[in-house]
Amino acid sequence: NSAALELAGVDADTPDVDGGEIVRDGERRPTGILKDNAMALVASAVPAPGEALRDRQVRAAMAYVASNGVTTVHDMGSFADMAAYRRLHADDALITRIYSVVPLAEWQTLVQEVAANGTGDEWLRIGGLKGFMDGSLGSHTAAFFEPFTDTPDDRGLYVSDPADVREWVAAADGAGLHVMIHAIGDRAIDELLDIYAELGAGAGAERPAERGAEPAATSTAAPGAERASGGDAGASRERRLRMEHAQHIRPADIPRFTELGVIASMQPYHAIDDGRWAEAVIGPERIQTTYAFRSLLDAGARLAFGSDWPVAPATPLEGIYAAVTRRTLDGATPDGWVPEQEITVEEALRAYTADAAYASFDEDRKGMLRPGWLADMVLVDRDLTAVPPETLGDARVLATIVGGEVVFEAGGEP
């Protein structure tokens, strides 16, 4: 609103922002819409929460995700978030296992953190970095080769200069850190695949022979201290390179995920949300490989499913429903939006469990129920593999167990 803009000093004379947009009226006055990097103009003027408030936020978040059957999160946050997780961990207050991921541009600080404190334990891990190529489809800031169909002069934008991303990825990878980059538009996806390819052919991850294959018998710790403190940058190292979102892929780029071993870290709920309006923005051809779950799996790629909370709800059961039925939230697509991209319940479950664990180097301890592994389990009110797909959205979590302790029970308190 105008009061917030005034307090932040954003007005008609404020320069445009690289990698973002201040939406203005005919007299260059800000309308109140700030896109991507421009959001920092106001966000940086908001006082940071104190430690007590941040800790309460984390406790509330853990209770929320536990109620939805989440036992581990990969949090794309900040060093301040990491500090809050450490405080709660020191108090034995964590009820959710956390992989704390920090901004890619701060990779040198993370190298120092790992050198000083290691990569953590089974409750709190560090060693991951999150970067951005572009923005989002809804804000028209995703980077595409061809213009948006509803704004023919607009191809989106890069939030980060690809040259900077290339430099940061190479440096962070050379330090043995785990890299995961946001890419949504087809141009951003193609550019990021090129950046990953420069690290060495097939450097991202190893593919299992079949979808139902057992996890590898050997595993790099998540990520191991020897990786994160400046180890091997050679092409043979398993990097588990991740592309966050991977939403709008050109058909020619789908096999590259397998060739490079890039994990497609995707959020199925977005498909039934964006599916209400995406065709009006990018047209009927590009939506055929939007949220291309089926095409990626058929090409041999690995999917790791998540939520993108708070952009979308942290509700895996809704995500499974979305991936299997692709029925949009408005009820307009009872047979599924781009139904050719639907996957099975078993495939969706694996993407939320075993392959999500693989995406954080945890496939030797979580993601399946096996003797000696972490006792992280979720009890659901029905067999998801035996009910009609259209009823998956009605499923409810009865209990969530982390480390053998009940952290959520329906009708009770953690």
Protein backbone atom coordinates (compact mmCIF):
# COMPACT_ATOMS: atom_id res chain seq x y z
CA ASN A 1 0.00 0.00 0.00
CA SER A 2 1.01 3.63 -0.29
CA ALA A 3 2.00 3.90 3.37
CA ALA A 4 4.41 0.97 3.08
CA LEU A 5 5.87 2.36 -0.14
CA GLU A 6 6.41 5.73 1.54
CA LEU A 7 8.07 4.19 4.59
CA ALA A 8 10.36 2.20 2.30
CA GLY A 9 11.17 5.27 0.20
CA VAL A 10 9.76 3.83 -3.04
CA ASP A 11 8.39 6.53 -5.31
CA ALA A 12 8.34 7.75 -8.90
CA ASP A 13 12.05 8.57 -8.73
CA THR A 14 13.10 5.11 -7.56
CA PRO A 15 15.27 3.53 -10.28
CA ASP A 16 14.14 0.35 -12.00
CA VAL A 17 15.50 -2.87 -10.53
CA ASP A 18 17.45 -5.51 -12.42
CA GLY A 19 15.74 -8.89 -12.22
CA GLY A 20 12.46 -7.39 -11.09
CA GLU A 21 9.86 -4.76 -11.82
CA ILE A 22 8.24 -1.83 -10.03
CA VAL A 23 4.82 -1.72 -11.66
CA ARG A 24 4.02 1.95 -12.31
CA ASP A 25 1.10 4.05 -13.51
CA GLY A 26 1.23 6.51 -16.42
CA GLU A 27 3.16 9.01 -14.31
CA ARG A 28 5.72 6.45 -13.15
CA ARG A 29 4.20 6.30 -9.68
CA PRO A 30 4.44 2.83 -8.09
CA THR A 31 1.08 1.04 -8.05
CA GLY A 32 2.07 -1.16 -5.13
CA ILE A 33 2.96 -4.24 -7.19
CA LEU A 34 6.62 -5.17 -6.88
CA LYS A 35 7.90 -8.21 -8.77
CA ASP A 36 10.80 -10.49 -7.86
CA ASN A 37 13.96 -8.48 -7.02
CA ALA A 38 11.92 -5.29 -6.66
CA MET A 39 10.20 -6.81 -3.62
CA ALA A 40 13.42 -6.26 -1.68
CA LEU A 41 12.80 -2.50 -1.80
CA VAL A 42 10.05 -2.96 0.77
CA ALA A 43 11.16 -6.23 2.36
CA SER A 44 14.50 -4.72 3.37
CA ALA A 45 12.66 -1.94 5.21
CA VAL A 46 10.68 -4.39 7.36
CA PRO A 47 12.32 -4.94 10.75
CA ALA A 48 13.65 -8.48 11.15
CA PRO A 49 11.85 -10.61 13.74
CA GLY A 50 13.72 -11.11 16.98
CA GLU A 51 14.96 -14.53 18.01
CA ALA A 52 11.96 -15.26 20.22
CA LEU A 53 9.47 -14.50 17.44
CA ARG A 54 11.43 -16.46 14.85
CA ASP A 55 11.59 -19.45 17.18
CA ARG A 56 7.80 -19.29 17.70
CA GLN A 57 7.37 -19.16 13.93
CA VAL A 58 9.44 -22.31 13.52
CA ARG A 59 7.49 -24.13 16.24
CA ALA A 60 4.20 -23.16 14.57
CA ALA A 61 5.51 -24.26 11.16
CA MET A 62 6.64 -27.63 12.50
CA ALA A 63 3.23 -28.24 14.06
CA TYR A 64 1.53 -27.34 10.79
CA VAL A 65 3.62 -29.62 8.59
CA ALA A 66 3.36 -32.47 11.11
CA SER A 67 -0.43 -32.20 10.94
CA ASN A 68 -0.13 -32.71 7.19
CA GLY A 69 2.10 -35.77 7.39
CA VAL A 70 5.47 -34.11 6.75
CA THR A 71 8.47 -35.55 8.62
CA THR A 72 11.32 -33.78 6.76
CA VAL A 73 11.51 -30.40 5.04
CA HIS A 74 14.08 -28.95 2.68
CA ASP A 75 13.83 -25.30 3.71
CA MET A 76 14.96 -22.70 1.20
CA GLY A 77 15.70 -20.06 3.80
CA SER A 78 18.45 -17.93 5.30
CA PHE A 79 21.28 -18.07 7.80
CA ALA A 80 18.89 -16.49 10.34
CA ASP A 81 16.54 -19.43 9.83
CA MET A 82 19.45 -21.82 10.26
CA ALA A 83 20.32 -20.14 13.55
CA ALA A 84 16.75 -20.58 14.76
CA TYR A 85 16.84 -24.28 13.88
CA ARG A 86 20.08 -24.64 15.79
CA ARG A 87 18.60 -22.98 18.88
CA LEU A 88 15.59 -25.28 18.85
CA HIS A 89 17.76 -28.31 18.16
CA ALA A 90 19.93 -27.43 21.16
CA ASP A 91 16.74 -27.42 23.24
CA ASP A 92 15.63 -30.81 21.80
CA ALA A 93 12.61 -28.99 20.41
CA LEU A 94 12.72 -30.10 16.77
CA ILE A 95 9.84 -32.35 15.74
CA THR A 96 10.62 -32.02 12.01
CA ARG A 97 13.88 -33.01 10.35
CA ILE A 98 15.27 -30.01 8.46
CA TYR A 99 17.67 -29.61 5.56
CA SER A 100 18.49 -25.91 5.96
CA VAL A 101 19.34 -24.40 2.56
CA VAL A 102 20.73 -20.86 2.20
CA PRO A 103 21.15 -18.42 -0.74
CA LEU A 104 23.56 -19.42 -3.50
CA ALA A 105 25.24 -16.01 -3.57
CA GLU A 106 26.35 -16.61 0.04
CA TRP A 107 28.17 -19.86 -0.75
CA GLN A 108 31.43 -18.65 0.78
CA THR A 109 29.74 -18.10 4.14
CA LEU A 110 28.30 -21.60 3.96
CA VAL A 111 31.77 -23.04 3.31
CA GLN A 112 32.88 -21.37 6.54
CA GLU A 113 29.82 -22.67 8.43
CA VAL A 114 30.48 -26.23 7.32
CA ALA A 115 34.17 -25.98 8.14
CA ALA A 116 33.33 -24.70 11.61
CA ASN A 117 30.30 -26.85 12.46
CA GLY A 118 30.11 -29.75 10.03
CA THR A 119 27.05 -30.67 8.00
CA GLY A 120 24.81 -31.58 10.92
CA ASP A 121 23.04 -34.71 12.05
CA GLU A 122 19.81 -36.62 11.45
CA TRP A 123 17.71 -33.69 12.70
CA LEU A 124 19.39 -30.67 11.16
CA ARG A 125 21.51 -30.71 8.00
CA ILE A 126 23.33 -27.95 6.17
CA GLY A 127 25.37 -27.83 2.97
CA GLY A 128 22.74 -26.84 0.39
CA LEU A 129 22.44 -23.64 -1.64
CA LYS A 130 19.39 -22.24 -3.45
CA GLY A 131 19.67 -19.86 -6.40
CA PHE A 132 17.29 -18.30 -8.90
CA MET A 133 17.33 -18.13 -12.67
CA ASP A 134 13.97 -16.44 -13.27
CA GLY A 135 10.65 -15.50 -11.68
CA SER A 136 7.18 -17.05 -11.98
CA LEU A 137 4.49 -17.62 -14.57
CA GLY A 138 1.77 -15.73 -12.71
CA SER A 139 3.82 -12.54 -12.50
CA HIS A 140 5.04 -12.88 -16.11
CA THR A 141 8.61 -12.95 -14.85
CA ALA A 142 9.45 -16.54 -15.89
CA ALA A 143 11.99 -16.46 -18.72
CA PHE A 144 10.70 -17.91 -22.02
CA PHE A 145 12.09 -18.21 -25.53
CA GLU A 146 8.80 -17.03 -27.04
CA PRO A 147 6.58 -14.22 -25.70
CA PHE A 148 3.63 -14.72 -23.41
CA THR A 149 0.49 -15.14 -25.48
CA ASP A 150 -1.36 -12.44 -23.55
CA THR A 151 1.55 -9.92 -23.62
CA PRO A 152 3.26 -10.45 -26.98
CA ASP A 153 6.17 -8.10 -26.27
CA ASP A 154 7.13 -9.84 -23.03
CA ARG A 155 9.39 -12.89 -22.69
CA GLY A 156 9.85 -12.62 -18.92
CA LEU A 157 13.17 -11.95 -17.23
CA TYR A 158 16.15 -13.41 -15.44
CA VAL A 159 16.09 -12.72 -11.70
CA SER A 160 19.82 -13.39 -11.59
CA ASP A 161 22.28 -12.69 -14.37
CA PRO A 162 23.05 -16.13 -15.89
CA ALA A 163 26.75 -15.20 -15.81
CA ASP A 164 26.51 -14.74 -12.04
CA VAL A 165 24.63 -18.03 -11.60
CA ARG A 166 27.25 -19.79 -13.73
CA GLU A 167 30.06 -18.37 -11.59
CA TRP A 168 28.35 -19.15 -8.27
CA VAL A 169 27.40 -22.69 -9.31
CA ALA A 170 30.94 -23.49 -10.45
CA ALA A 171 32.46 -22.07 -7.27
CA ALA A 172 29.96 -23.69 -4.90
CA ASP A 173 30.22 -27.00 -6.69
CA GLY A 174 33.99 -26.78 -6.55
CA ALA A 175 33.68 -26.35 -2.78
CA GLY A 176 31.63 -29.55 -2.61
CA LEU A 177 28.34 -27.85 -1.74
CA HIS A 178 24.92 -29.04 -2.92
CA VAL A 179 23.38 -26.78 -5.56
CA MET A 180 19.67 -26.36 -6.32
CA ILE A 181 18.43 -23.63 -8.67
CA HIS A 182 14.95 -22.24 -9.33
CA ALA A 183 14.03 -22.32 -13.03
CA ILE A 184 10.45 -22.03 -14.34
CA GLY A 185 10.35 -20.72 -17.93
CA ASP A 186 11.72 -22.81 -20.81
CA ARG A 187 14.55 -20.36 -21.51
CA ALA A 188 15.65 -20.39 -17.86
CA ILE A 189 15.45 -24.20 -17.79
CA ASP A 190 17.53 -24.54 -20.95
CA GLU A 191 20.15 -22.10 -19.66
CA LEU A 192 20.37 -23.86 -16.30
CA LEU A 193 20.81 -27.24 -17.98
CA ASP A 194 23.68 -25.69 -19.95
CA ILE A 195 25.23 -24.42 -16.70
CA TYR A 196 24.94 -27.85 -15.12
CA ALA A 197 26.36 -29.52 -18.22
CA GLU A 198 29.50 -27.40 -17.89
CA LEU A 199 30.24 -29.13 -14.58
CA GLY A 200 30.78 -32.40 -16.45
CA ALA A 201 28.59 -34.78 -18.44
CA GLY A 202 26.23 -36.74 -16.25
CA ALA A 203 27.57 -35.00 -13.16
CA GLY A 204 24.26 -34.50 -11.40
CA ALA A 205 23.13 -37.88 -10.18
CA GLU A 206 22.95 -41.54 -10.97
CA ARG A 207 19.68 -42.98 -12.27
CA PRO A 208 18.22 -46.21 -10.85
CA ALA A 209 17.64 -48.88 -13.47
CA GLU A 210 13.92 -49.00 -12.77
CA ARG A 211 11.32 -46.95 -10.96
CA GLY A 212 10.95 -49.53 -8.21
CA ALA A 213 14.67 -50.06 -7.71
CA GLU A 214 16.15 -50.22 -4.23
CA PRO A 215 18.27 -47.24 -3.22
CA ALA A 216 22.00 -47.42 -3.76
CA ALA A 217 23.87 -49.47 -1.20
CA THR A 218 26.49 -46.74 -0.87
CA SER A 219 25.66 -43.12 -0.25
CA THR A 220 27.35 -39.81 0.27
CA ALA A 221 26.24 -38.23 3.57
CA ALA A 222 23.73 -35.44 3.22
CA PRO A 223 25.95 -33.75 2.09
CA GLY A 224 29.11 -35.17 3.64
CA ALA A 225 31.66 -32.95 5.34
CA GLU A 226 34.28 -34.05 2.85
CA ARG A 227 32.05 -32.71 0.04
CA ALA A 228 31.15 -29.42 1.64
CA SER A 229 34.57 -28.31 2.79
CA GLY A 230 36.19 -27.93 -0.59
CA GLY A 231 36.54 -31.37 -2.13
CA ASP A 232 36.57 -32.94 -5.56
CA ALA A 233 35.15 -30.82 -8.37
CA GLY A 234 35.65 -33.61 -10.92
CA ALA A 235 32.94 -34.87 -13.22
CA SER A 236 32.71 -38.24 -11.46
CA ARG A 237 31.39 -36.91 -8.15
CA GLU A 238 27.72 -37.38 -7.39
CA ARG A 239 26.34 -33.88 -7.07
CA ARG A 240 22.58 -34.50 -6.93
CA LEU A 241 22.08 -31.25 -8.87
CA ARG A 242 18.50 -30.06 -8.50
CA MET A 243 16.26 -27.86 -10.58
CA GLU A 244 13.56 -26.34 -8.41
CA HIS A 245 10.15 -26.20 -10.15
CA ALA A 246 11.17 -27.14 -13.73
CA GLN A 247 7.67 -26.11 -14.74
CA HIS A 248 7.64 -25.27 -18.45
CA ILE A 249 10.10 -27.48 -20.30
CA ARG A 250 10.75 -27.56 -24.02
CA PRO A 251 10.30 -31.14 -25.31
CA ALA A 252 13.91 -31.19 -26.51
CA ASP A 253 15.15 -30.51 -22.96
CA ILE A 254 13.28 -33.35 -21.24
CA PRO A 255 15.90 -36.05 -22.01
CA ARG A 256 18.65 -33.73 -20.79
CA PHE A 257 17.46 -34.19 -17.20
CA THR A 258 18.37 -37.87 -17.51
CA GLU A 259 21.56 -37.30 -19.48
CA LEU A 260 22.85 -34.82 -16.89
CA GLY A 261 21.37 -36.56 -13.87
CA VAL A 262 19.44 -33.44 -12.86
CA ILE A 263 16.73 -33.99 -10.25
CA ALA A 264 13.43 -32.31 -11.12
CA SER A 265 12.31 -30.91 -7.76
CA MET A 266 8.65 -30.18 -8.50
CA GLN A 267 5.42 -29.24 -6.73
CA PRO A 268 2.29 -31.01 -8.07
CA TYR A 269 -0.18 -28.67 -6.37
CA HIS A 270 0.93 -25.90 -8.73
CA ALA A 271 -0.38 -27.92 -11.69
CA ILE A 272 -3.98 -27.88 -10.46
CA ASP A 273 -3.65 -24.25 -9.40
CA ASP A 274 -1.91 -22.79 -12.48
CA GLY A 275 -3.84 -25.12 -14.77
CA ARG A 276 -6.87 -22.87 -14.39
CA TRP A 277 -5.21 -20.06 -16.35
CA ALA A 278 -1.82 -21.13 -17.74
CA GLU A 279 -3.04 -21.79 -21.28
CA ALA A 280 -4.20 -18.18 -21.56
CA VAL A 281 -0.67 -17.06 -20.68
CA ILE A 282 1.54 -19.43 -22.70
CA GLY A 283 -0.83 -21.04 -25.21
CA PRO A 284 -1.92 -24.61 -25.99
CA GLU A 285 1.43 -25.91 -27.26
CA ARG A 286 3.64 -25.02 -24.32
CA ILE A 287 1.20 -26.41 -21.75
CA GLN A 288 1.74 -29.91 -23.16
CA THR A 289 5.07 -30.11 -21.33
CA THR A 290 4.12 -27.95 -18.37
CA TYR A 291 4.47 -29.88 -15.09
CA ALA A 292 5.62 -32.73 -17.32
CA PHE A 293 5.65 -35.46 -14.67
CA ARG A 294 4.89 -38.31 -17.06
CA SER A 295 7.31 -37.18 -19.74
CA LEU A 296 10.16 -36.80 -17.26
CA LEU A 297 9.58 -40.22 -15.69
CA ASP A 298 9.26 -41.89 -19.07
CA ALA A 299 12.57 -40.29 -20.06
CA GLY A 300 14.19 -41.84 -16.97
CA ALA A 301 14.50 -38.68 -14.90
CA ARG A 302 14.09 -38.57 -11.15
CA LEU A 303 11.31 -36.51 -9.54
CA ALA A 304 11.46 -35.14 -6.00
CA PHE A 305 8.11 -33.71 -4.94
CA GLY A 306 7.52 -30.92 -2.44
CA SER A 307 5.12 -28.06 -1.77
CA ASP A 308 6.76 -24.63 -2.31
CA TRP A 309 5.11 -23.53 0.93
CA PRO A 310 4.05 -20.78 1.66
CA VAL A 311 3.33 -20.21 -2.05
CA ALA A 312 1.28 -23.43 -1.96
CA PRO A 313 0.09 -25.47 1.03
CA ALA A 314 2.46 -28.03 2.57
CA THR A 315 -0.03 -30.85 2.03
CA PRO A 316 1.48 -33.93 0.37
CA LEU A 317 -1.87 -35.73 0.17
CA GLU A 318 -3.20 -32.88 -1.97
CA GLY A 319 -0.01 -33.06 -4.00
CA ILE A 320 -0.50 -36.77 -4.67
CA TYR A 321 -4.09 -36.05 -5.74
CA ALA A 322 -2.80 -33.31 -8.05
CA ALA A 323 -0.11 -35.45 -9.66
CA VAL A 324 -2.47 -38.38 -10.23
CA THR A 325 -5.65 -36.61 -11.35
CA ARG A 326 -4.46 -33.16 -12.53
CA ARG A 327 -7.99 -31.91 -11.82
CA THR A 328 -7.78 -28.13 -11.52
CA LEU A 329 -9.04 -26.38 -8.39
CA ASP A 330 -11.96 -24.81 -10.23
CA GLY A 331 -13.42 -28.22 -11.16
CA ALA A 332 -13.25 -27.36 -14.87
CA THR A 333 -11.08 -30.36 -15.85
CA PRO A 334 -12.68 -33.56 -14.47
CA ASP A 335 -10.55 -35.67 -16.81
CA GLY A 336 -7.40 -33.82 -15.84
CA TRP A 337 -5.55 -30.79 -17.17
CA VAL A 338 -3.15 -32.13 -19.81
CA PRO A 339 -4.01 -35.68 -18.66
CA GLU A 340 -1.12 -37.13 -20.67
CA GLN A 341 1.13 -35.92 -17.85
CA GLU A 342 -0.69 -37.81 -15.08
CA ILE A 343 1.30 -40.34 -13.07
CA THR A 344 0.35 -43.21 -10.77
CA VAL A 345 -0.14 -43.09 -7.00
CA GLU A 346 2.95 -45.26 -6.52
CA GLU A 347 5.06 -42.90 -8.62
CA ALA A 348 3.80 -39.87 -6.72
CA LEU A 349 4.44 -41.55 -3.37
CA ARG A 350 7.99 -42.39 -4.39
CA ALA A 351 8.62 -38.80 -5.45
CA TYR A 352 7.49 -37.59 -2.01
CA THR A 353 9.46 -40.23 -0.10
CA ALA A 354 12.38 -42.28 -1.47
CA ASP A 355 13.33 -39.89 -4.26
CA ALA A 356 12.89 -36.81 -2.06
CA ALA A 357 15.28 -38.49 0.39
CA TYR A 358 17.70 -39.12 -2.48
CA ALA A 359 17.53 -35.42 -3.35
CA SER A 360 19.14 -34.61 0.03
CA PHE A 361 21.60 -37.55 0.16
CA ASP A 362 19.39 -39.33 2.71
CA GLU A 363 18.38 -42.40 0.73
CA ASP A 364 20.26 -44.74 3.07
CA ARG A 365 18.23 -43.74 6.14
CA LYS A 366 14.82 -42.42 5.18
CA GLY A 367 12.15 -42.48 2.48
CA MET A 368 11.19 -46.12 3.09
CA LEU A 369 10.19 -48.30 6.03
CA ARG A 370 13.19 -50.58 6.53
CA PRO A 371 14.88 -52.15 9.57
CA GLY A 372 17.49 -49.85 11.07
CA TRP A 373 16.29 -46.75 9.25
CA LEU A 374 14.82 -43.64 10.87
CA ALA A 375 11.40 -44.33 12.36
CA ASP A 376 9.61 -41.57 10.44
CA MET A 377 6.10 -42.65 9.45
CA VAL A 378 2.69 -41.29 8.54
CA LEU A 379 -0.61 -43.05 9.16
CA VAL A 380 -3.32 -42.17 6.63
CA ASP A 381 -7.01 -43.00 6.92
CA ARG A 382 -7.07 -45.12 3.74
CA ASP A 383 -4.85 -47.15 1.41
CA LEU A 384 -3.95 -44.54 -1.19
CA THR A 385 -3.11 -47.23 -3.75
CA ALA A 386 -6.52 -48.91 -3.49
CA VAL A 387 -9.03 -46.05 -3.65
CA PRO A 388 -10.47 -44.27 -6.71
CA PRO A 389 -8.03 -41.48 -7.72
CA GLU A 390 -10.72 -38.80 -7.46
CA THR A 391 -11.05 -39.57 -3.72
CA LEU A 392 -7.35 -39.07 -2.95
CA GLY A 393 -8.04 -35.45 -2.04
CA ASP A 394 -10.33 -36.62 0.78
CA ALA A 395 -7.59 -38.60 2.53
CA ARG A 396 -6.60 -37.43 6.00
CA VAL A 397 -3.53 -37.83 8.19
CA LEU A 398 -4.29 -39.75 11.38
CA ALA A 399 -0.81 -39.60 12.91
CA THR A 400 2.71 -38.43 12.13
CA ILE A 401 5.68 -40.14 13.78
CA VAL A 402 9.23 -38.77 13.70
CA GLY A 403 12.08 -40.67 15.28
CA GLY A 404 9.60 -43.11 16.80
CA GLU A 405 7.73 -40.33 18.61
CA VAL A 406 4.18 -39.28 17.78
CA VAL A 407 4.40 -35.60 16.84
CA PHE A 408 0.82 -35.30 15.54
CA GLU A 409 -2.32 -37.28 16.20
CA ALA A 410 -5.70 -36.38 14.74
CA GLY A 411 -7.87 -34.92 17.46
CA GLY A 412 -4.89 -34.48 19.79
CA GLU A 413 -1.94 -32.18 20.41
CA PRO A 414 1.72 -32.94 19.58
